[in-house]
Amino acid sequence: MKTATRRWLAPILAATMLSAPPAALASGWKLVFEDNFDGSALDRSVWATRYIYGNEKQDKLNDEVQRYRDNDNHVVKDGVLDLVARKTGEGAYESGMIRSLQTFYYGYYEARVKLPKGKGIWPAFWLNSDYDASGALSWPPEIDIMEYVVNGGEDLPNMVHSAAVDTPRGSAVTYYETHPEYNTKLKSFVGTEDLSDGWRVFGLVWTPTDYTVLLDGKVLYRRPYAWLNKSGVLAAPAHVLLNFAIGGSWAGRYGIDDSYFPQALSIDYVRVCQFSEASDAGARCGDSAYTPNPADYRYSAPGDMDRAVFGAAAIGDAESGGSVALPSGVASVKVTSRLRAPSGVAATQNLYSVIKANGSGTVLSEQTTPLDGYDNGEMRTVVHEMPLPATVKPGSYRLVEAIVGKTPPAGASTPLKAPVLCGGAKTRTLTCDTTQVTVTTASY
């Protein structure tokens, strides 16, 4: 979706069959993520509505003209999510986007969508790298499963764009295993049908060695690919994005047809399946009739990055929902943290704990604790004393915990927070509220 990925599928190079990926270990697809949008509103515990950049508040990329907003731009009704775009002023537009908080390595990704219409549109379905183990972001890598650009010139309603950002940039690419129907029509950009007429199913099979893009169950192309950062090592896992961009030098090259607005990128569902030898793995990803045969795409690799996991904590003798007395003159309070820290974390990262007042957010106490001896990959109890001010007011407080770097990265003023999991949640975050207590007595 970033500017560097503006490439299309025409012309595909001569089909070149490469050797099949090794390791025939998986028995089928296992569903690891699904949203059918069956509720009445977007589930904000599953999706964010801004890019991960700029403290997860960035509302545009490239030179597109819309801004991503939450002014009824994410409408859920009758099992469909509409990312609604509208004109808000002269040359000004707002739209919707979703970014998964859960991350993944490899597998089969599928979305059923109804594409918008008109000159100037740029909806997309793509993967971008999330935070790495230190909390840093990097780009590339990126896989654009689908970019539907209609600019009224070179880019027409009967074509779809798909590409990836390679490391090193500009690497030669060989495409192979293209579907015969599309292989003969790629110079006219994927045939004659207007892709915005009716629902379409876009799919991606991503393995450690290559990826394959499918449209309505037909392989558009397959190509070698490695999910590497700029240093040439495995990048952080991917989050899933669907967005409805408008305009810019690509989509808006010949103007924007405002007569189609307001309109939406409609999403019926989003699914992610991964290869598994488990008994509940099968031939389909959910109930999709377009699922590719897992026997054709086998690999053995982790499905996500290992992260620290926080469990329930206690302040004094009070666990979440309890009460604790913190009278004036007490210099510190015992805090019992529970976490599973991945092996090797102690060398570069610490446990960060802060007690905050609910409502005001006033900090009562904060502390950084070394993780030496606690990073063996098992759930451990960390008991530490947190300093207290001379007076402690009664009220409701929460303990917020994180894993932070021991030193700030180059150019930064503070250490980075590492991505973590809270309790049994699958979605990563940068901090966990691990306990809530009430201070019942205090003399001041």
Protein backbone atom coordinates (compact mmCIF):
# COMPACT_ATOMS: atom_id res chain seq x y z
CA MET A 1 0.00 0.00 0.00
CA LYS A 2 2.99 2.29 0.43
CA THR A 3 4.07 4.19 -2.67
CA ALA A 4 6.87 1.77 -3.53
CA THR A 5 4.39 -1.03 -4.18
CA ARG A 6 2.57 0.55 -7.10
CA ARG A 7 3.08 -2.34 -9.44
CA TRP A 8 0.63 -4.43 -11.38
CA LEU A 9 0.35 -7.95 -12.62
CA ALA A 10 1.00 -7.11 -16.28
CA PRO A 11 3.03 -8.35 -17.92
CA ILE A 12 3.73 -11.53 -15.99
CA LEU A 13 7.04 -13.10 -16.92
CA ALA A 14 7.10 -16.49 -18.60
CA ALA A 15 5.90 -19.17 -16.23
CA THR A 16 8.80 -20.80 -14.46
CA MET A 17 8.10 -23.74 -12.21
CA LEU A 18 10.31 -23.68 -9.15
CA SER A 19 11.01 -26.59 -6.87
CA ALA A 20 8.26 -27.18 -4.34
CA PRO A 21 8.84 -25.91 -0.78
CA PRO A 22 10.20 -28.66 1.50
CA ALA A 23 8.70 -30.06 4.67
CA ALA A 24 5.36 -31.76 4.01
CA LEU A 25 4.37 -31.55 7.65
CA ALA A 26 0.97 -29.93 7.79
CA SER A 27 -2.28 -31.84 7.62
CA GLY A 28 -4.55 -28.95 6.76
CA TRP A 29 -5.84 -25.48 7.56
CA LYS A 30 -6.60 -24.41 11.12
CA LEU A 31 -8.71 -21.30 11.62
CA VAL A 32 -6.81 -18.85 13.86
CA PHE A 33 -8.71 -15.63 13.16
CA GLU A 34 -12.17 -14.79 11.86
CA ASP A 35 -14.49 -11.81 11.92
CA ASN A 36 -17.88 -12.15 10.21
CA PHE A 37 -19.05 -8.74 11.45
CA ASP A 38 -22.19 -10.24 12.96
CA GLY A 39 -22.51 -7.63 15.71
CA SER A 40 -23.88 -4.11 15.63
CA ALA A 41 -20.54 -2.30 15.73
CA LEU A 42 -16.88 -2.82 14.88
CA ASP A 43 -15.11 -4.82 17.60
CA ARG A 44 -12.39 -2.43 18.79
CA SER A 45 -10.71 -5.21 20.78
CA VAL A 46 -9.97 -6.89 17.44
CA TRP A 47 -9.43 -3.96 15.08
CA ALA A 48 -7.75 -0.57 15.18
CA THR A 49 -8.83 2.17 12.79
CA ARG A 50 -5.52 3.93 12.23
CA TYR A 51 -2.11 2.85 10.94
CA ILE A 52 0.46 1.56 13.42
CA TYR A 53 2.74 4.51 12.73
CA GLY A 54 2.74 7.75 14.74
CA ASN A 55 1.88 6.03 18.03
CA GLU A 56 -0.87 4.15 16.19
CA LYS A 57 -2.63 7.40 15.25
CA GLN A 58 -1.51 7.96 11.65
CA ASP A 59 -4.55 8.56 9.44
CA LYS A 60 -3.10 8.41 5.91
CA LEU A 61 -0.20 7.13 3.81
CA ASN A 62 1.44 8.32 0.59
CA ASP A 63 -0.23 11.35 -1.02
CA GLU A 64 -3.82 10.12 -0.89
CA VAL A 65 -6.33 12.85 -0.05
CA GLN A 66 -8.65 11.18 2.47
CA ARG A 67 -8.19 11.01 6.21
CA TYR A 68 -9.27 7.96 8.22
CA ARG A 69 -11.88 8.93 10.77
CA ASP A 70 -14.45 7.43 13.13
CA ASN A 71 -17.41 9.56 12.06
CA ASP A 72 -19.67 6.64 11.11
CA ASN A 73 -16.94 5.43 8.75
CA HIS A 74 -17.18 1.85 10.10
CA VAL A 75 -20.79 0.73 9.78
CA VAL A 76 -21.70 -2.85 10.73
CA LYS A 77 -25.10 -4.08 9.57
CA ASP A 78 -26.54 -7.41 8.44
CA GLY A 79 -23.19 -9.19 8.77
CA VAL A 80 -21.26 -6.70 6.65
CA LEU A 81 -18.73 -4.03 7.57
CA ASP A 82 -18.88 -0.92 5.37
CA LEU A 83 -15.79 1.28 5.28
CA VAL A 84 -17.66 4.44 4.33
CA ALA A 85 -15.98 7.23 2.38
CA ARG A 86 -17.54 10.64 1.86
CA LYS A 87 -16.57 14.08 0.62
CA THR A 88 -16.35 16.61 3.45
CA GLY A 89 -15.28 19.73 1.57
CA GLU A 90 -13.44 21.00 -1.47
CA GLY A 91 -10.78 18.38 -2.15
CA ALA A 92 -11.37 16.84 1.30
CA TYR A 93 -12.58 13.33 2.06
CA GLU A 94 -12.86 11.01 5.05
CA SER A 95 -12.93 7.24 4.99
CA GLY A 96 -12.51 4.06 7.03
CA MET A 97 -9.81 1.46 7.56
CA ILE A 98 -9.22 -1.55 9.82
CA ARG A 99 -5.95 -2.99 11.13
CA SER A 100 -5.89 -6.27 13.07
CA LEU A 101 -4.44 -6.20 16.57
CA GLN A 102 -3.63 -9.89 16.25
CA THR A 103 -0.52 -10.71 14.23
CA PHE A 104 0.54 -13.69 12.16
CA TYR A 105 3.34 -15.44 10.33
CA TYR A 106 2.29 -17.30 7.17
CA GLY A 107 -0.92 -19.12 6.34
CA TYR A 108 -3.98 -18.44 4.20
CA TYR A 109 -5.66 -15.02 4.33
CA GLU A 110 -9.07 -14.44 2.79
CA ALA A 111 -11.55 -11.56 2.58
CA ARG A 112 -14.86 -11.36 0.75
CA VAL A 113 -15.43 -7.81 -0.40
CA LYS A 114 -17.61 -5.66 -2.62
CA LEU A 115 -15.47 -3.02 -4.25
CA PRO A 116 -16.49 0.63 -4.67
CA LYS A 117 -16.84 2.40 -8.02
CA GLY A 118 -15.69 5.50 -9.82
CA LYS A 119 -12.55 7.34 -10.77
CA GLY A 120 -10.17 8.13 -7.93
CA ILE A 121 -10.72 5.11 -5.65
CA TRP A 122 -7.98 3.01 -4.05
CA PRO A 123 -9.26 0.25 -1.71
CA ALA A 124 -6.73 -2.35 -0.58
CA PHE A 125 -6.29 -5.62 1.33
CA TRP A 126 -2.71 -6.08 2.53
CA LEU A 127 -0.19 -7.21 5.16
CA ASN A 128 2.32 -4.98 6.92
CA SER A 129 4.88 -5.76 9.62
CA ASP A 130 4.02 -5.04 13.24
CA TYR A 131 6.27 -4.30 16.25
CA ASP A 132 9.33 -6.52 16.57
CA ALA A 133 10.45 -8.05 19.87
CA SER A 134 12.11 -4.79 20.93
CA GLY A 135 9.07 -2.66 20.10
CA ALA A 136 10.56 -1.20 16.91
CA LEU A 137 8.79 -0.88 13.56
CA SER A 138 10.38 -1.61 10.19
CA TRP A 139 9.37 -1.38 6.54
CA PRO A 140 9.67 -3.35 4.31
CA PRO A 141 8.28 -6.07 4.30
CA GLU A 142 4.79 -5.69 2.85
CA ILE A 143 2.46 -7.85 0.75
CA ASP A 144 -0.34 -6.17 -1.18
CA ILE A 145 -2.92 -8.88 -1.76
CA MET A 146 -5.22 -6.51 -3.59
CA GLU A 147 -5.08 -2.86 -4.60
CA TYR A 148 -8.06 -1.80 -6.70
CA VAL A 149 -7.06 1.47 -8.29
CA VAL A 150 -9.39 3.11 -10.79
CA ASN A 151 -8.01 6.36 -12.20
CA GLY A 152 -9.84 6.52 -15.53
CA GLY A 153 -6.63 6.18 -17.52
CA GLU A 154 -4.13 3.37 -17.17
CA ASP A 155 -6.01 1.75 -14.30
CA LEU A 156 -9.49 0.49 -15.09
CA PRO A 157 -12.30 -1.33 -13.25
CA ASN A 158 -11.35 -4.69 -14.82
CA MET A 159 -7.89 -4.93 -13.27
CA VAL A 160 -6.40 -5.63 -9.91
CA HIS A 161 -2.94 -4.73 -8.64
CA SER A 162 -0.92 -7.03 -6.41
CA ALA A 163 2.73 -6.96 -5.37
CA ALA A 164 5.19 -7.10 -2.50
CA VAL A 165 8.11 -5.04 -1.27
CA ASP A 166 11.27 -7.13 -1.44
CA THR A 167 14.54 -7.07 0.49
CA PRO A 168 16.79 -5.97 -1.05
CA ARG A 169 14.57 -3.45 -2.82
CA GLY A 170 14.37 -3.91 -6.56
CA SER A 171 15.13 -7.63 -6.46
CA ALA A 172 14.36 -9.53 -9.66
CA VAL A 173 11.05 -11.39 -9.44
CA THR A 174 9.97 -14.55 -11.23
CA TYR A 175 6.24 -15.23 -11.39
CA TYR A 176 4.94 -18.73 -11.94
CA GLU A 177 1.83 -20.89 -11.71
CA THR A 178 -0.48 -18.26 -13.17
CA HIS A 179 -4.04 -19.30 -13.98
CA PRO A 180 -4.41 -19.81 -17.77
CA GLU A 181 -7.44 -17.53 -17.96
CA TYR A 182 -5.55 -14.66 -16.42
CA ASN A 183 -2.22 -15.46 -18.01
CA THR A 184 -3.67 -14.77 -21.46
CA LYS A 185 -5.34 -11.54 -20.41
CA LEU A 186 -2.86 -9.94 -18.09
CA LYS A 187 -1.76 -7.37 -20.67
CA SER A 188 -5.31 -6.04 -20.56
CA PHE A 189 -5.11 -6.10 -16.76
CA VAL A 190 -6.95 -9.25 -15.71
CA GLY A 191 -9.71 -9.62 -18.21
CA THR A 192 -12.90 -7.80 -19.12
CA GLU A 193 -15.18 -7.95 -16.05
CA ASP A 194 -15.78 -4.91 -13.90
CA LEU A 195 -14.52 -6.22 -10.56
CA SER A 196 -16.85 -3.89 -8.65
CA ASP A 197 -19.90 -5.74 -10.00
CA GLY A 198 -20.76 -8.22 -7.26
CA TRP A 199 -18.81 -9.76 -4.40
CA ARG A 200 -15.20 -10.91 -4.84
CA VAL A 201 -13.05 -13.22 -2.72
CA PHE A 202 -9.38 -12.30 -2.51
CA GLY A 203 -6.97 -14.80 -1.00
CA LEU A 204 -3.29 -15.08 -0.15
CA VAL A 205 -1.27 -18.18 0.69
CA TRP A 206 1.94 -17.05 2.37
CA THR A 207 4.73 -19.52 3.21
CA PRO A 208 8.33 -18.95 4.36
CA THR A 209 9.52 -19.28 0.75
CA ASP A 210 6.82 -17.78 -1.47
CA TYR A 211 3.30 -16.44 -1.69
CA THR A 212 0.29 -16.98 -3.96
CA VAL A 213 -2.54 -14.54 -4.71
CA LEU A 214 -6.01 -15.80 -5.63
CA LEU A 215 -9.14 -14.12 -6.94
CA ASP A 216 -12.39 -16.08 -6.56
CA GLY A 217 -10.36 -19.25 -6.12
CA LYS A 218 -8.22 -18.76 -9.24
CA VAL A 219 -4.48 -18.29 -8.88
CA LEU A 220 -3.43 -14.91 -10.26
CA TYR A 221 0.22 -15.64 -9.63
CA ARG A 222 2.73 -17.30 -7.34
CA ARG A 223 6.22 -15.99 -6.67
CA PRO A 224 9.20 -16.49 -4.34
CA TYR A 225 9.22 -14.18 -1.35
CA ALA A 226 10.93 -13.86 2.03
CA TRP A 227 9.46 -11.71 4.83
CA LEU A 228 12.66 -9.78 5.62
CA ASN A 229 13.39 -6.38 7.09
CA LYS A 230 16.01 -3.98 5.75
CA SER A 231 18.74 -5.89 7.59
CA GLY A 232 17.83 -9.06 5.71
CA VAL A 233 16.52 -10.96 8.74
CA LEU A 234 13.02 -12.24 9.50
CA ALA A 235 10.81 -9.23 10.18
CA ALA A 236 8.12 -8.87 12.81
CA PRO A 237 4.86 -10.72 12.13
CA ALA A 238 2.16 -9.14 10.00
CA HIS A 239 -1.07 -7.42 10.82
CA VAL A 240 -3.97 -7.45 8.35
CA LEU A 241 -5.28 -4.24 6.83
CA LEU A 242 -8.26 -3.30 4.70
CA ASN A 243 -8.67 0.35 3.81
CA PHE A 244 -10.49 2.63 1.38
CA ALA A 245 -8.07 5.30 0.16
CA ILE A 246 -8.98 8.07 -2.27
CA GLY A 247 -7.03 10.14 -4.75
CA GLY A 248 -3.36 11.02 -4.81
CA SER A 249 -0.98 10.97 -7.76
CA TRP A 250 -1.90 7.38 -8.64
CA ALA A 251 -5.62 6.91 -8.03
CA GLY A 252 -6.41 10.59 -8.52
CA ARG A 253 -4.18 11.20 -11.53
CA TYR A 254 -7.15 12.19 -13.68
CA GLY A 255 -9.38 13.50 -10.93
CA ILE A 256 -11.98 12.04 -8.57
CA ASP A 257 -15.57 11.33 -9.58
CA ASP A 258 -17.49 12.78 -6.65
CA SER A 259 -20.84 11.58 -7.99
CA TYR A 260 -20.20 8.14 -6.44
CA PHE A 261 -19.73 9.46 -2.90
CA PRO A 262 -20.66 8.61 -0.23
CA GLN A 263 -19.88 4.96 -0.93
CA ALA A 264 -18.17 2.05 0.82
CA LEU A 265 -15.73 -0.80 0.60
CA SER A 266 -17.97 -3.57 1.93
CA ILE A 267 -16.43 -6.52 3.81
CA ASP A 268 -18.38 -9.71 4.45
CA TYR A 269 -15.63 -11.47 6.43
CA VAL A 270 -11.90 -11.68 7.08
CA ARG A 271 -10.24 -15.02 7.89
CA VAL A 272 -6.77 -16.31 8.62
CA CYS A 273 -5.88 -20.00 8.64
CA GLN A 274 -2.51 -21.58 9.31
CA PHE A 275 -1.07 -25.00 8.54
CA SER A 276 -1.46 -27.49 11.35
CA GLU A 277 -1.05 -31.17 12.11
CA ALA A 278 -3.81 -30.96 14.71
CA SER A 279 -6.89 -33.12 14.39
CA ASP A 280 -9.15 -30.10 13.88
CA ALA A 281 -7.25 -28.92 10.80
CA GLY A 282 -9.03 -29.50 7.52
CA ALA A 283 -9.29 -28.82 3.82
CA ARG A 284 -11.16 -25.52 4.19
CA CYS A 285 -10.52 -22.22 5.89
CA GLY A 286 -13.81 -21.73 7.68
CA ASP A 287 -16.62 -22.50 5.24
CA SER A 288 -14.95 -20.90 2.24
CA ALA A 289 -15.54 -22.66 -1.07
CA TYR A 290 -12.45 -20.92 -2.45
CA THR A 291 -9.92 -22.37 -0.01
CA PRO A 292 -6.82 -23.62 -1.87
CA ASN A 293 -5.75 -27.22 -1.32
CA PRO A 294 -3.44 -27.28 1.72
CA ALA A 295 -1.52 -30.17 0.18
CA ASP A 296 -0.18 -27.71 -2.41
CA TYR A 297 1.16 -25.25 0.17
CA ARG A 298 2.91 -26.96 3.05
CA TYR A 299 5.44 -25.56 5.47
CA SER A 300 6.60 -25.82 9.07
CA ALA A 301 7.13 -22.52 10.91
CA PRO A 302 5.87 -20.59 13.94
CA GLY A 303 2.50 -18.89 13.49
CA ASP A 304 3.45 -15.75 15.41
CA MET A 305 6.27 -14.13 17.36
CA ASP A 306 6.92 -15.18 20.95
CA ARG A 307 5.98 -12.38 23.37
CA ALA A 308 5.88 -11.73 27.09
CA VAL A 309 2.54 -12.67 28.65
CA PHE A 310 1.21 -10.89 31.73
CA GLY A 311 -1.06 -12.61 34.22
CA ALA A 312 -2.96 -11.34 37.26
CA ALA A 313 -0.99 -9.20 39.71
CA ALA A 314 -1.46 -7.95 43.26
CA ILE A 315 -0.79 -4.70 45.10
CA GLY A 316 0.00 -5.50 48.69
CA ASP A 317 -2.24 -8.42 49.57
CA ALA A 318 -5.01 -7.28 47.23
CA GLU A 319 -5.63 -8.89 43.88
CA SER A 320 -7.87 -7.32 41.27
CA GLY A 321 -11.13 -6.13 42.77
CA GLY A 322 -9.77 -6.18 46.31
CA SER A 323 -8.84 -3.41 48.70
CA VAL A 324 -5.57 -2.36 50.29
CA ALA A 325 -4.61 0.10 53.02
CA LEU A 326 -1.76 2.45 52.11
CA PRO A 327 -1.45 4.88 55.04
CA SER A 328 0.84 7.88 55.03
CA GLY A 329 4.40 7.29 56.07
CA VAL A 330 4.72 3.89 54.43
CA ALA A 331 7.73 4.05 52.12
CA SER A 332 6.76 1.30 49.71
CA VAL A 333 4.21 -1.33 48.80
CA LYS A 334 4.80 -4.92 47.75
CA VAL A 335 3.72 -5.68 44.20
CA THR A 336 3.43 -9.25 42.95
CA SER A 337 3.63 -9.49 39.17
CA ARG A 338 2.99 -12.56 37.08
CA LEU A 339 4.57 -12.88 33.67
CA ARG A 340 6.06 -15.25 31.17
CA ALA A 341 9.10 -13.63 29.60
CA PRO A 342 10.63 -15.17 26.45
CA SER A 343 14.16 -16.51 26.75
CA GLY A 344 16.83 -13.87 26.28
CA VAL A 345 14.65 -10.88 27.18
CA ALA A 346 16.62 -10.04 30.33
CA ALA A 347 19.70 -9.01 28.36
CA THR A 348 17.95 -6.08 26.70
CA GLN A 349 14.64 -5.43 28.49
CA ASN A 350 13.13 -4.77 31.93
CA LEU A 351 9.77 -5.07 33.64
CA TYR A 352 8.13 -1.64 33.93
CA SER A 353 5.34 -1.16 36.50
CA VAL A 354 3.25 1.93 37.25
CA ILE A 355 0.37 2.40 39.70
CA LYS A 356 -2.12 4.98 38.38
CA ALA A 357 -5.30 6.51 39.73
CA ASN A 358 -8.33 5.55 37.69
CA GLY A 359 -9.98 8.53 36.10
CA SER A 360 -7.28 11.16 36.56
CA GLY A 361 -4.38 8.93 35.53
CA THR A 362 -2.23 10.42 38.30
CA VAL A 363 0.86 8.29 38.87
CA LEU A 364 1.17 7.01 42.43
CA SER A 365 4.34 5.01 41.85
CA GLU A 366 6.49 3.66 39.03
CA GLN A 367 9.43 1.31 38.94
CA THR A 368 11.70 -0.57 36.55
CA THR A 369 12.72 -4.09 37.60
CA PRO A 370 15.47 -6.18 35.94
CA LEU A 371 14.28 -9.51 34.56
CA ASP A 372 17.48 -11.41 35.28
CA GLY A 373 16.52 -14.98 36.10
CA TYR A 374 12.90 -14.55 35.04
CA ASP A 375 13.29 -14.99 31.27
CA ASN A 376 13.17 -18.78 31.00
CA GLY A 377 9.95 -18.88 29.01
CA GLU A 378 7.79 -20.01 31.94
CA MET A 379 5.12 -18.13 33.91
CA ARG A 380 6.94 -16.67 36.92
CA THR A 381 6.09 -14.59 39.98
CA VAL A 382 8.11 -11.39 40.38
CA VAL A 383 7.86 -9.77 43.82
CA HIS A 384 9.15 -6.21 44.05
CA GLU A 385 8.75 -3.18 46.29
CA MET A 386 7.36 -0.01 44.67
CA PRO A 387 8.04 3.36 46.34
CA LEU A 388 5.16 5.45 47.68
CA PRO A 389 4.79 9.21 48.18
CA ALA A 390 4.50 10.69 51.66
CA THR A 391 0.71 10.84 51.38
CA VAL A 392 -1.55 8.42 49.58
CA LYS A 393 -5.15 9.40 48.90
CA PRO A 394 -7.88 6.76 48.99
CA GLY A 395 -9.49 5.85 45.71
CA SER A 396 -9.39 3.43 42.82
CA TYR A 397 -6.00 2.50 41.35
CA ARG A 398 -4.72 0.18 38.66
CA LEU A 399 -1.37 -1.47 38.02
CA VAL A 400 -0.13 -1.04 34.45
CA GLU A 401 2.80 -3.20 33.35
CA ALA A 402 5.01 -3.38 30.28
CA ILE A 403 8.30 -4.74 28.99
CA VAL A 404 10.66 -1.89 28.09
CA GLY A 405 14.13 -1.68 26.64
CA LYS A 406 17.06 -1.03 28.94
CA THR A 407 18.28 1.82 26.74
CA PRO A 408 16.57 4.09 24.20
CA PRO A 409 17.26 3.28 20.54
CA ALA A 410 19.33 5.71 18.49
CA GLY A 411 17.50 8.99 18.10
CA ALA A 412 14.89 8.25 20.78
CA SER A 413 14.55 9.86 24.20
CA THR A 414 12.90 6.91 25.96
CA PRO A 415 13.15 3.11 25.69
CA LEU A 416 10.65 1.32 23.48
CA LYS A 417 7.83 -0.80 24.87
CA ALA A 418 7.82 -4.35 23.53
CA PRO A 419 4.59 -5.94 22.26
CA VAL A 420 3.02 -8.17 24.93
CA LEU A 421 -0.08 -10.27 25.55
CA CYS A 422 -2.45 -9.67 28.46
CA GLY A 423 -3.74 -12.83 30.10
CA GLY A 424 -5.32 -15.14 27.54
CA ALA A 425 -5.78 -12.46 24.88
CA LYS A 426 -4.55 -13.16 21.35
CA THR A 427 -4.19 -9.51 20.40
CA ARG A 428 -0.91 -7.84 21.16
CA THR A 429 -0.64 -4.57 23.03
CA LEU A 430 2.14 -2.45 24.54
CA THR A 431 0.82 -2.33 28.13
CA CYS A 432 -1.38 -4.51 30.34
CA ASP A 433 -3.69 -3.45 33.14
CA THR A 434 -2.91 -6.36 35.44
CA THR A 435 -4.90 -5.46 38.56
CA GLN A 436 -7.43 -2.94 39.91
CA VAL A 437 -7.58 -2.21 43.65
CA THR A 438 -9.28 0.22 45.99
CA VAL A 439 -7.31 2.10 48.61
CA THR A 440 -9.70 2.05 51.54
CA THR A 441 -7.78 3.88 54.27
CA ALA A 442 -5.13 6.53 54.29
CA SER A 443 -4.15 9.21 56.77
CA TYR A 444 -2.97 12.46 55.28
